[in-house]
Every structure is written in structure tokens, then in C-alpha cells.
Amino acid sequence: MSPALPIGDPAPADGALPASAAVGSGHRDFGVYLHVPFCAVRCGYCDFNTYTASELGGGASQAAYAGTALREIDLAAGVLSDPAVGLPERAVSTVFVGGGTPTLLPAADLVRLLAHVRATWGLVPGAEVTTEANPDSVTPEVLATLAAGGFTRVSFGMQSAVPHVLATLDRTHDPARLPDVVRWAREVGLDVSVDLIYGTPGESLADWRTSVESALALEPDHVSAYALVIEAGTKMAARVRRGELPMPDGDDEAAKYEVADELLTAAGLDWYEVSNFARGPEHASRHNLSYWRGHDWWGIGPGAHSHVGGVRWWNVKHPRAYAQRLESGLSPAAGREILDPGAREIERVLLGVRLAEGLELAPGTGRVPDAQRSAVASLLAQGLIEFAPARAGRVVLTRRGRLLADAVVRELTA
């Protein structure tokens, strides 16, 4: 069961945006997220909006899906070019294809989607184009087709190198396959990222160290390391409720984060966001940075979320409903919200605090606002933020602060 959609205002049937969405748009990048909702097997911990192929048909089927998504790209083009809104023409800075398992679609379909994005808006020189992939969902030929079609980066869902941990997560790939898929990606010129999960029930500290060291042996450009969250409605949540699995332990997850930080940093991958490490700034995920910096993106696909100039909206969840809306010439948006200045500032703090570049408390002034002086002093005393940046009005988390980032946000927004 994927999570319920947010509660918001009704979205216009044609997807039209208010003129307020154009304010400040010249200073924001524009990205495209493409959601592919298919998985070969639904993992027990996952609450993403995904489906196995046998669940869907018609315009929602794997065979028809690319054509359906093309319809939303065309709709997006019309909405963004509406002269009543006044958005400037912007080429796409980043494209991210996520899921699900995007590489369950034929590589030619993924290239077709990217080609339509390029033909619709253009890509900036050096645009970042990423697809997620499972290690068992690609071949050398698939990766070569993606690279030739304009993809620049692949993010492999490794999660763990330990078989019993993968089994608990319901991951079906063979960890021994990772070196091969990374080598194939390298051979066609793709940057490589690997995703890891820590805190799986039954995972020891030694298991986690093995996974991080195995990931580093691949010599990736980028590593994401996320703490497992037991989401309501998932198979894993039911197993925890029945007492078959223990809940993840916060202290255990903190110890595992520290191990990851030590090993990754020693190997030359620096943190640039709490859960993300890159081998130099050029290998950071520019698409994800655009989210954390509050830029604009259009999310294509069922359940996908979008944001343009303080207007956020989300599509209907089920692929069949998504396809039916587009076939009828309607926007697939299920609802939306227009963020007021207070909400936008809270989001700026919430997201910006997580970045290694830090959060500028009073943009453009180089100082700490009077209203936040006591909070900054408290955070310094607790060892949660760095001293020198704080004097210049910028919040940069210490390692301890990264472990308690939510507490930092609470102090700054109290």
C-alpha cells in the first residue's frame, strides 16, 4: 500500500498555474522527474507508488506506458508556456527517471521519453540525466542504449551486500552481480551511484560495514545511505506488528551512520547532503540538489509531485486513472497547494539545513537574525552546528548535527 496523497485544494482540470508561479523564475533551474511505476517484485519495506506488471493493463500497462507519459509532457509544455502565467522559456537542467524500476521498461522507451523532453524544452549544455536501476534489470546492451540516447548517470539499488539482509528487504538481486553492472556502466561512460539502506532488522554493525566496504570496492562516483523507515501499510510493518521483526533502533542507526561517514570520507566521498556522498562536487546529484534548493520541476507519472514557484501539485496515484485522465485531455493532477511565505521559509530551513553548503539564515546579509540568535547559540552549545559559519549567519551541521537534523530545524523554526 503506497501512502495516501496529501490533502490540498482541487487542481484545475487543465493544469493551469497562477501568475504567482512566475515570480523569481529566472533564478530557478527547471528539472523533469519521470516516474515509472513498475517493479518485478514489490519489496516488503517499500511504500512507493509501484505495481507489478500483472496488476495493470490498457494505457497503464508497461507496453503502453511511455506513450501515456508523453501525453503529460505535452500537457506540461502547454501549461508552462501559457502567456497568462508569464514563465520564461527554460531548458531542462536535470532529468531523473525513478520508480519503481525504470529499467523494466525497454531502454528504447526510456530514450524515447528523454528525446521528447529534449524536443519539448531542450536540455542545457551538460545536463544531468539519471535513471534508477536494479542490478538484475540491466544488461550491457541496455546501458549502451541509454548512454547513446543521452543518459549520463545510473543509480543502482544495491541496498546491502549481505544476503540475509537483502532477503529481509525482499530484494531479489544477487549482490555478486554489482561489480559487473558497474563495469558495464563505466564502459559506456555513465557516472555510477549506489543506494544503501541501513537499520534493517537483523543487520549487525559488521553486516553494515561489509555493505559499505563492498560499495566502496565498486569505486562509485556517488553513494546514498538511507536509514530504514518502517512505513505504515507495508508488508514489513505488518511483520513488525506481529512480532516477527523488531523495529529499527535509533541508536543502532546512528552508529551505522557514523560508520558510513567514516568509511566514505576516508575513501574520498564527502557528504553534501545528510544522506548523500559524492566524489567531488561534480558528482553530486544535481537533480536532488534542485529539490533541496527549492527550484522548479515537473513530475511526470502516476503519483508524481511537481513544484513551480511555490505551487505544488500531485498526480492521481493509480496508473489506470492517470492514463484515463490524459486520454480524456485532462490534467492528471489530483490536488495542489500554494505555499504562503511562511510555509516557504519553513521549507527553506527544513531542506537547506541538510546541505553541506549550509543554510543562510538571512540571505544576502551575512548575519544571524535577532529572532534566531538564541537558537543558534543553543545549537552551538550542543555541538550541532559549526562555529565559523554560524558567525557569518550560515548554519552548517556537524556530524552530531546530521544525526539530529530534525532537532536543529525545530530550534530554528520555533
Protein backbone atom coordinates (compact mmCIF):
# COMPACT_ATOMS: atom_id res chain seq x y z
CA MET A 1 0.00 0.00 0.00
CA SER A 2 1.54 3.29 -1.06
CA PRO A 3 0.99 6.37 1.12
CA ALA A 4 -2.10 8.48 0.73
CA LEU A 5 -1.83 11.63 -1.34
CA PRO A 6 -1.66 14.95 0.54
CA ILE A 7 -4.83 16.86 1.28
CA GLY A 8 -4.90 20.06 -0.75
CA ASP A 9 -7.07 22.24 -2.92
CA PRO A 10 -8.66 20.95 -6.14
CA ALA A 11 -6.32 21.18 -9.12
CA PRO A 12 -7.59 22.85 -12.32
CA ALA A 13 -8.73 20.33 -14.92
CA ASP A 14 -6.35 21.84 -17.46
CA GLY A 15 -3.43 22.04 -15.02
CA ALA A 16 -3.18 25.84 -15.33
CA LEU A 17 -0.84 27.68 -12.96
CA PRO A 18 -1.42 31.05 -11.29
CA ALA A 19 0.69 34.02 -12.36
CA SER A 20 2.45 33.92 -8.97
CA ALA A 21 4.35 30.83 -10.17
CA ALA A 22 6.48 33.01 -12.43
CA VAL A 23 7.81 35.26 -9.63
CA GLY A 24 11.58 34.78 -9.38
CA SER A 25 11.58 32.02 -12.00
CA GLY A 26 14.63 33.48 -13.75
CA HIS A 27 16.73 32.42 -10.74
CA ARG A 28 15.46 28.84 -10.57
CA ASP A 29 16.52 25.80 -12.55
CA PHE A 30 13.89 23.60 -14.18
CA GLY A 31 14.05 19.82 -13.92
CA VAL A 32 11.89 16.90 -15.02
CA TYR A 33 11.13 13.82 -12.94
CA LEU A 34 9.76 10.78 -14.80
CA HIS A 35 8.08 8.16 -12.62
CA VAL A 36 8.00 4.56 -13.86
CA PRO A 37 5.65 2.67 -11.51
CA PHE A 38 6.65 -0.91 -12.34
CA CYS A 39 8.53 -3.47 -10.24
CA ALA A 40 9.20 -7.14 -10.84
CA VAL A 41 8.57 -7.82 -7.13
CA ARG A 42 7.23 -5.40 -4.52
CA CYS A 43 9.74 -5.14 -1.66
CA GLY A 44 8.30 -5.53 1.83
CA TYR A 45 9.65 -2.21 3.14
CA CYS A 46 8.63 -0.09 0.14
CA ASP A 47 5.69 2.33 0.25
CA PHE A 48 6.38 3.98 -3.13
CA ASN A 49 3.63 4.15 -5.72
CA THR A 50 4.62 0.98 -7.60
CA TYR A 51 2.88 -2.01 -9.19
CA THR A 52 3.85 -5.34 -10.66
CA ALA A 53 3.20 -5.73 -14.38
CA SER A 54 0.38 -8.23 -13.89
CA GLU A 55 -1.69 -5.66 -11.98
CA LEU A 56 -2.13 -3.24 -14.87
CA GLY A 57 -3.48 -3.07 -18.39
CA GLY A 58 -4.59 -0.65 -21.10
CA GLY A 59 -2.80 2.70 -21.14
CA ALA A 60 -1.34 1.83 -17.75
CA SER A 61 0.47 -1.28 -19.00
CA GLN A 62 4.24 -1.42 -19.36
CA ALA A 63 3.88 -1.65 -23.13
CA ALA A 64 1.73 1.50 -23.36
CA TYR A 65 3.21 3.49 -20.51
CA ALA A 66 5.77 5.55 -22.44
CA GLY A 67 3.07 6.79 -24.82
CA THR A 68 0.90 7.78 -21.86
CA ALA A 69 3.74 9.70 -20.19
CA LEU A 70 4.42 11.53 -23.47
CA ARG A 71 0.90 12.96 -23.21
CA GLU A 72 1.72 14.54 -19.87
CA ILE A 73 4.93 16.05 -21.24
CA ASP A 74 2.83 17.69 -23.95
CA LEU A 75 0.33 18.94 -21.36
CA ALA A 76 3.19 20.33 -19.25
CA ALA A 77 4.58 22.17 -22.24
CA GLY A 78 1.25 23.91 -22.79
CA VAL A 79 0.85 24.86 -19.12
CA LEU A 80 4.37 26.26 -18.79
CA SER A 81 4.13 28.28 -21.99
CA ASP A 82 0.80 29.91 -21.09
CA PRO A 83 1.31 33.66 -21.65
CA ALA A 84 -1.15 34.42 -18.84
CA VAL A 85 1.36 32.97 -16.37
CA GLY A 86 4.48 34.54 -17.85
CA LEU A 87 7.08 31.87 -17.12
CA PRO A 88 10.25 32.35 -19.16
CA GLU A 89 11.38 29.67 -21.58
CA ARG A 90 13.83 27.44 -19.73
CA ALA A 91 15.80 24.48 -20.95
CA VAL A 92 15.83 21.44 -18.68
CA SER A 93 18.82 21.26 -16.32
CA THR A 94 18.25 17.75 -14.96
CA VAL A 95 16.14 14.70 -15.76
CA PHE A 96 15.65 11.91 -13.24
CA VAL A 97 13.84 8.67 -14.07
CA GLY A 98 12.74 6.94 -10.88
CA GLY A 99 10.40 4.26 -9.78
CA GLY A 100 9.68 1.53 -9.30
CA THR A 101 12.32 0.05 -11.53
CA PRO A 102 12.60 2.26 -14.62
CA THR A 103 14.74 -0.29 -16.45
CA LEU A 104 11.81 -2.70 -16.55
CA LEU A 105 10.70 -0.52 -19.46
CA PRO A 106 12.58 -1.19 -22.69
CA ALA A 107 15.64 1.02 -22.94
CA ALA A 108 14.22 2.37 -26.20
CA ASP A 109 11.16 3.66 -24.30
CA LEU A 110 13.35 5.47 -21.76
CA VAL A 111 15.35 7.05 -24.59
CA ARG A 112 12.08 7.98 -26.32
CA LEU A 113 10.88 9.80 -23.19
CA LEU A 114 14.17 11.67 -22.86
CA ALA A 115 14.10 12.59 -26.55
CA HIS A 116 10.63 14.08 -26.10
CA VAL A 117 11.79 16.14 -23.11
CA ARG A 118 14.70 17.38 -25.22
CA ALA A 119 12.45 18.19 -28.19
CA THR A 120 9.92 19.97 -25.95
CA TRP A 121 12.15 22.19 -23.82
CA GLY A 122 15.74 21.50 -24.81
CA LEU A 123 18.50 20.44 -22.41
CA VAL A 124 21.09 22.82 -21.01
CA PRO A 125 24.69 22.02 -22.05
CA GLY A 126 25.98 19.30 -19.74
CA ALA A 127 22.51 18.44 -18.43
CA GLU A 128 22.43 15.63 -15.89
CA VAL A 129 20.21 12.70 -16.95
CA THR A 130 19.82 9.87 -14.42
CA THR A 131 17.92 6.63 -14.29
CA GLU A 132 17.50 4.34 -11.33
CA ALA A 133 18.07 0.64 -11.97
CA ASN A 134 18.16 -2.63 -10.10
CA PRO A 135 21.32 -4.70 -10.60
CA ASP A 136 19.27 -7.51 -12.14
CA SER A 137 17.33 -5.26 -14.53
CA VAL A 138 20.13 -4.18 -16.88
CA THR A 139 22.45 -5.73 -19.45
CA PRO A 140 25.45 -4.24 -21.27
CA GLU A 141 23.15 -3.60 -24.24
CA VAL A 142 20.57 -1.75 -22.12
CA LEU A 143 23.21 0.52 -20.60
CA ALA A 144 24.80 1.18 -24.00
CA THR A 145 21.40 2.17 -25.42
CA LEU A 146 20.77 4.55 -22.51
CA ALA A 147 24.18 6.18 -22.82
CA ALA A 148 23.83 6.57 -26.59
CA GLY A 149 20.38 8.10 -26.05
CA GLY A 150 21.67 10.84 -23.76
CA PHE A 151 21.64 9.40 -20.24
CA THR A 152 24.67 10.45 -18.20
CA ARG A 153 24.20 8.70 -14.89
CA VAL A 154 22.79 5.49 -13.40
CA SER A 155 21.81 4.89 -9.78
CA PHE A 156 21.87 1.23 -8.76
CA GLY A 157 19.69 -0.01 -5.89
CA MET A 158 22.33 -2.05 -4.06
CA GLN A 159 20.80 -1.64 -0.55
CA SER A 160 23.11 -4.26 1.02
CA ALA A 161 25.87 -6.71 0.16
CA VAL A 162 24.71 -9.25 2.76
CA PRO A 163 22.31 -11.96 1.53
CA HIS A 164 20.25 -12.30 4.72
CA VAL A 165 19.72 -8.53 4.86
CA LEU A 166 18.61 -8.48 1.22
CA ALA A 167 16.23 -11.36 1.98
CA THR A 168 14.64 -9.41 4.86
CA LEU A 169 14.17 -6.46 2.48
CA ASP A 170 12.69 -8.81 -0.19
CA ARG A 171 15.43 -7.74 -2.60
CA THR A 172 15.94 -10.42 -5.23
CA HIS A 173 19.22 -9.44 -6.91
CA ASP A 174 22.50 -11.29 -6.44
CA PRO A 175 25.00 -8.93 -4.75
CA ALA A 176 27.79 -10.60 -6.71
CA ARG A 177 26.33 -9.02 -9.85
CA LEU A 178 27.14 -5.45 -8.74
CA PRO A 179 30.76 -5.37 -9.98
CA ASP A 180 29.59 -6.45 -13.44
CA VAL A 181 26.81 -3.89 -13.80
CA VAL A 182 29.06 -1.08 -12.56
CA ARG A 183 31.76 -2.11 -15.03
CA TRP A 184 29.22 -2.18 -17.89
CA ALA A 185 28.03 1.31 -16.93
CA ARG A 186 31.59 2.60 -16.79
CA GLU A 187 32.42 1.11 -20.18
CA VAL A 188 29.71 3.22 -21.86
CA GLY A 189 30.65 6.39 -19.99
CA LEU A 190 27.92 6.58 -17.33
CA ASP A 191 28.52 8.03 -13.87
CA VAL A 192 27.60 5.50 -11.19
CA SER A 193 25.75 5.94 -7.91
CA VAL A 194 24.77 3.18 -5.48
CA ASP A 195 22.00 3.30 -2.88
CA LEU A 196 22.39 1.65 0.52
CA ILE A 197 19.90 1.12 3.37
CA TYR A 198 20.93 0.69 7.00
CA GLY A 199 18.92 -0.42 10.01
CA THR A 200 17.26 -3.49 8.50
CA PRO A 201 16.03 -5.83 11.26
CA GLY A 202 18.72 -8.45 11.86
CA GLU A 203 21.51 -6.38 10.29
CA SER A 204 24.56 -6.27 12.56
CA LEU A 205 27.11 -3.47 12.63
CA ALA A 206 29.53 -5.89 10.94
CA ASP A 207 26.94 -6.57 8.21
CA TRP A 208 26.61 -2.86 7.57
CA ARG A 209 30.38 -2.35 7.46
CA THR A 210 30.57 -5.17 4.91
CA SER A 211 27.96 -3.42 2.75
CA VAL A 212 29.71 -0.04 2.84
CA GLU A 213 33.09 -1.61 2.10
CA SER A 214 31.59 -3.62 -0.75
CA ALA A 215 30.05 -0.46 -2.19
CA LEU A 216 33.39 1.35 -1.97
CA ALA A 217 35.11 -1.55 -3.74
CA LEU A 218 32.97 -0.66 -6.76
CA GLU A 219 34.62 2.80 -6.80
CA PRO A 220 31.31 4.64 -7.33
CA ASP A 221 31.07 8.36 -8.01
CA HIS A 222 28.23 8.74 -5.52
CA VAL A 223 26.70 6.85 -2.59
CA SER A 224 23.34 7.40 -0.92
CA ALA A 225 22.91 5.87 2.54
CA TYR A 226 19.40 5.96 3.99
CA ALA A 227 18.07 4.78 7.35
CA LEU A 228 15.27 2.25 7.00
CA VAL A 229 11.89 3.64 7.97
CA ILE A 230 9.05 1.21 8.67
CA GLU A 231 6.15 2.75 6.76
CA ALA A 232 2.55 2.06 7.75
CA GLY A 233 0.73 -0.23 5.37
CA THR A 234 3.80 -2.10 4.14
CA LYS A 235 4.42 -5.83 4.43
CA MET A 236 7.36 -5.13 6.74
CA ALA A 237 5.18 -3.01 9.03
CA ALA A 238 2.78 -5.94 9.34
CA ARG A 239 5.66 -8.27 10.21
CA VAL A 240 6.85 -5.83 12.89
CA ARG A 241 3.32 -5.55 14.26
CA ARG A 242 3.09 -9.36 14.51
CA GLY A 243 6.41 -9.51 16.35
CA GLU A 244 8.21 -11.32 13.52
CA LEU A 245 10.73 -8.49 13.12
CA PRO A 246 11.98 -5.89 15.60
CA MET A 247 11.62 -2.17 14.98
CA PRO A 248 14.82 -0.45 13.84
CA ASP A 249 16.72 1.01 16.78
CA GLY A 250 17.65 4.69 16.69
CA ASP A 251 20.97 4.24 18.49
CA ASP A 252 21.90 1.39 16.15
CA GLU A 253 21.08 3.51 13.11
CA ALA A 254 23.15 6.40 14.48
CA ALA A 255 26.15 4.08 14.96
CA LYS A 256 25.74 2.82 11.39
CA TYR A 257 25.57 6.36 10.02
CA GLU A 258 28.83 7.15 11.79
CA VAL A 259 30.46 4.04 10.29
CA ALA A 260 29.28 5.07 6.82
CA ASP A 261 30.52 8.63 7.28
CA GLU A 262 33.96 7.44 8.44
CA LEU A 263 34.42 4.89 5.65
CA LEU A 264 33.03 7.02 2.83
CA THR A 265 35.01 10.12 3.86
CA ALA A 266 38.22 8.11 4.17
CA ALA A 267 37.61 6.81 0.62
CA GLY A 268 37.28 10.34 -0.78
CA LEU A 269 33.49 10.70 -0.87
CA ASP A 270 32.35 13.80 1.02
CA TRP A 271 28.86 14.43 2.33
CA TYR A 272 26.97 17.17 0.52
CA GLU A 273 23.54 16.30 1.98
CA VAL A 274 22.90 14.36 5.16
CA SER A 275 22.34 11.03 3.36
CA ASN A 276 24.40 11.64 0.21
CA PHE A 277 28.12 11.47 -0.50
CA ALA A 278 29.96 12.31 -3.73
CA ARG A 279 33.48 12.02 -5.10
CA GLY A 280 33.71 15.76 -5.68
CA PRO A 281 31.01 18.39 -6.33
CA GLU A 282 30.76 17.43 -10.00
CA HIS A 283 29.38 14.03 -8.98
CA ALA A 284 26.67 15.30 -6.59
CA SER A 285 23.11 14.64 -7.77
CA ARG A 286 22.20 17.99 -9.31
CA HIS A 287 18.60 16.86 -9.67
CA ASN A 288 18.21 16.19 -5.95
CA LEU A 289 20.05 19.41 -5.12
CA SER A 290 17.40 21.26 -7.12
CA TYR A 291 14.76 19.84 -4.75
CA TRP A 292 16.69 20.86 -1.65
CA ARG A 293 17.35 24.35 -3.04
CA GLY A 294 13.70 24.97 -3.89
CA HIS A 295 13.99 25.05 -7.68
CA ASP A 296 11.25 24.04 -10.14
CA TRP A 297 10.43 20.62 -11.51
CA TRP A 298 7.58 18.87 -13.26
CA GLY A 299 6.86 15.31 -12.13
CA ILE A 300 5.55 13.07 -14.90
CA GLY A 301 3.68 9.90 -13.97
CA PRO A 302 1.09 8.50 -11.53
CA GLY A 303 1.53 9.88 -8.03
CA ALA A 304 4.36 12.18 -9.15
CA HIS A 305 4.75 15.52 -7.38
CA SER A 306 5.68 18.82 -9.05
CA HIS A 307 6.72 22.27 -7.88
CA VAL A 308 6.83 25.55 -9.78
CA GLY A 309 7.27 28.84 -7.97
CA GLY A 310 5.64 27.89 -4.68
CA VAL A 311 2.83 25.93 -6.35
CA ARG A 312 2.99 22.22 -5.54
CA TRP A 313 0.72 19.58 -7.01
CA TRP A 314 0.49 15.81 -7.19
CA ASN A 315 -0.96 13.40 -9.72
CA VAL A 316 -3.57 10.73 -9.18
CA LYS A 317 -1.92 7.61 -7.82
CA HIS A 318 -3.23 4.71 -9.84
CA PRO A 319 -1.71 4.27 -13.31
CA ARG A 320 -5.08 3.41 -14.78
CA ALA A 321 -6.68 6.64 -13.51
CA TYR A 322 -3.60 8.53 -14.66
CA ALA A 323 -3.89 7.13 -18.18
CA GLN A 324 -7.64 7.76 -18.34
CA ARG A 325 -7.27 11.43 -17.40
CA LEU A 326 -4.66 12.04 -20.06
CA GLU A 327 -6.60 10.12 -22.71
CA SER A 328 -9.53 12.43 -21.93
CA GLY A 329 -7.38 15.53 -22.40
CA LEU A 330 -7.38 16.36 -18.68
CA SER A 331 -4.55 17.09 -16.29
CA PRO A 332 -3.74 14.08 -14.11
CA ALA A 333 -3.28 16.37 -11.08
CA ALA A 334 -5.33 15.24 -8.09
CA GLY A 335 -4.73 18.29 -5.91
CA ARG A 336 -2.41 21.17 -5.22
CA GLU A 337 -1.33 23.76 -2.68
CA ILE A 338 0.05 27.27 -3.00
CA LEU A 339 2.66 27.85 -0.33
CA ASP A 340 2.45 31.13 1.56
CA PRO A 341 5.67 32.97 2.52
CA GLY A 342 5.72 31.38 5.99
CA ALA A 343 5.44 27.85 4.62
CA ARG A 344 8.11 28.54 2.00
CA GLU A 345 10.51 29.80 4.68
CA ILE A 346 9.95 26.71 6.84
CA GLU A 347 10.65 24.53 3.81
CA ARG A 348 13.78 26.53 3.01
CA VAL A 349 15.06 25.86 6.53
CA LEU A 350 13.95 22.21 6.56
CA LEU A 351 15.73 21.41 3.30
CA GLY A 352 18.63 23.83 3.40
CA VAL A 353 19.82 22.71 6.82
CA ARG A 354 20.57 19.27 5.37
CA LEU A 355 23.13 20.56 2.89
CA ALA A 356 26.89 20.76 3.48
CA GLU A 357 26.84 24.21 1.86
CA GLY A 358 24.67 25.23 4.80
CA LEU A 359 21.58 27.34 5.34
CA GLU A 360 21.87 31.11 5.05
CA LEU A 361 19.72 32.42 7.87
CA ALA A 362 19.23 35.92 6.43
CA PRO A 363 20.07 35.61 2.72
CA GLY A 364 22.44 38.29 1.45
CA THR A 365 23.22 39.84 4.85
CA GLY A 366 25.92 37.61 6.35
CA ARG A 367 24.37 37.82 9.79
CA VAL A 368 22.18 35.93 12.24
CA PRO A 369 18.70 37.48 12.56
CA ASP A 370 17.92 38.69 16.08
CA ALA A 371 14.99 36.27 16.30
CA GLN A 372 17.31 33.28 15.80
CA ARG A 373 20.30 34.33 17.90
CA SER A 374 19.31 32.31 20.96
CA ALA A 375 18.56 29.25 18.82
CA VAL A 376 21.97 29.48 17.13
CA ALA A 377 23.70 29.89 20.49
CA SER A 378 21.90 26.81 21.80
CA LEU A 379 22.81 24.76 18.73
CA LEU A 380 26.46 25.77 19.07
CA ALA A 381 26.46 24.80 22.76
CA GLN A 382 25.05 21.37 21.87
CA GLY A 383 27.71 20.83 19.21
CA LEU A 384 25.13 20.54 16.44
CA ILE A 385 26.43 23.28 14.11
CA GLU A 386 29.84 24.58 13.07
CA PHE A 387 31.12 27.72 14.80
CA ALA A 388 32.80 29.71 11.99
CA PRO A 389 29.87 29.54 9.50
CA ALA A 390 27.42 30.37 12.30
CA ARG A 391 29.24 33.66 12.98
CA ALA A 392 28.62 34.57 9.34
CA GLY A 393 24.92 33.74 9.53
CA ARG A 394 25.12 30.29 7.95
CA VAL A 395 24.10 27.02 9.63
CA VAL A 396 26.34 24.05 8.75
CA LEU A 397 25.74 20.79 10.61
CA THR A 398 28.42 18.89 12.50
CA ARG A 399 28.30 15.10 12.26
CA ARG A 400 26.31 15.09 15.50
CA GLY A 401 24.05 17.71 13.95
CA ARG A 402 23.46 15.49 10.94
CA LEU A 403 22.21 12.78 13.28
CA LEU A 404 19.85 15.31 14.90
CA ALA A 405 18.93 17.43 11.87
CA ASP A 406 15.23 17.44 12.75
CA ALA A 407 16.03 18.89 16.17
CA VAL A 408 18.08 21.65 14.51
CA VAL A 409 15.13 22.54 12.29
CA ARG A 410 12.79 22.64 15.28
CA GLU A 411 15.06 25.09 17.13
CA LEU A 412 15.44 27.36 14.12
CA THR A 413 11.71 27.47 13.36
CA ALA A 414 10.36 27.64 16.91
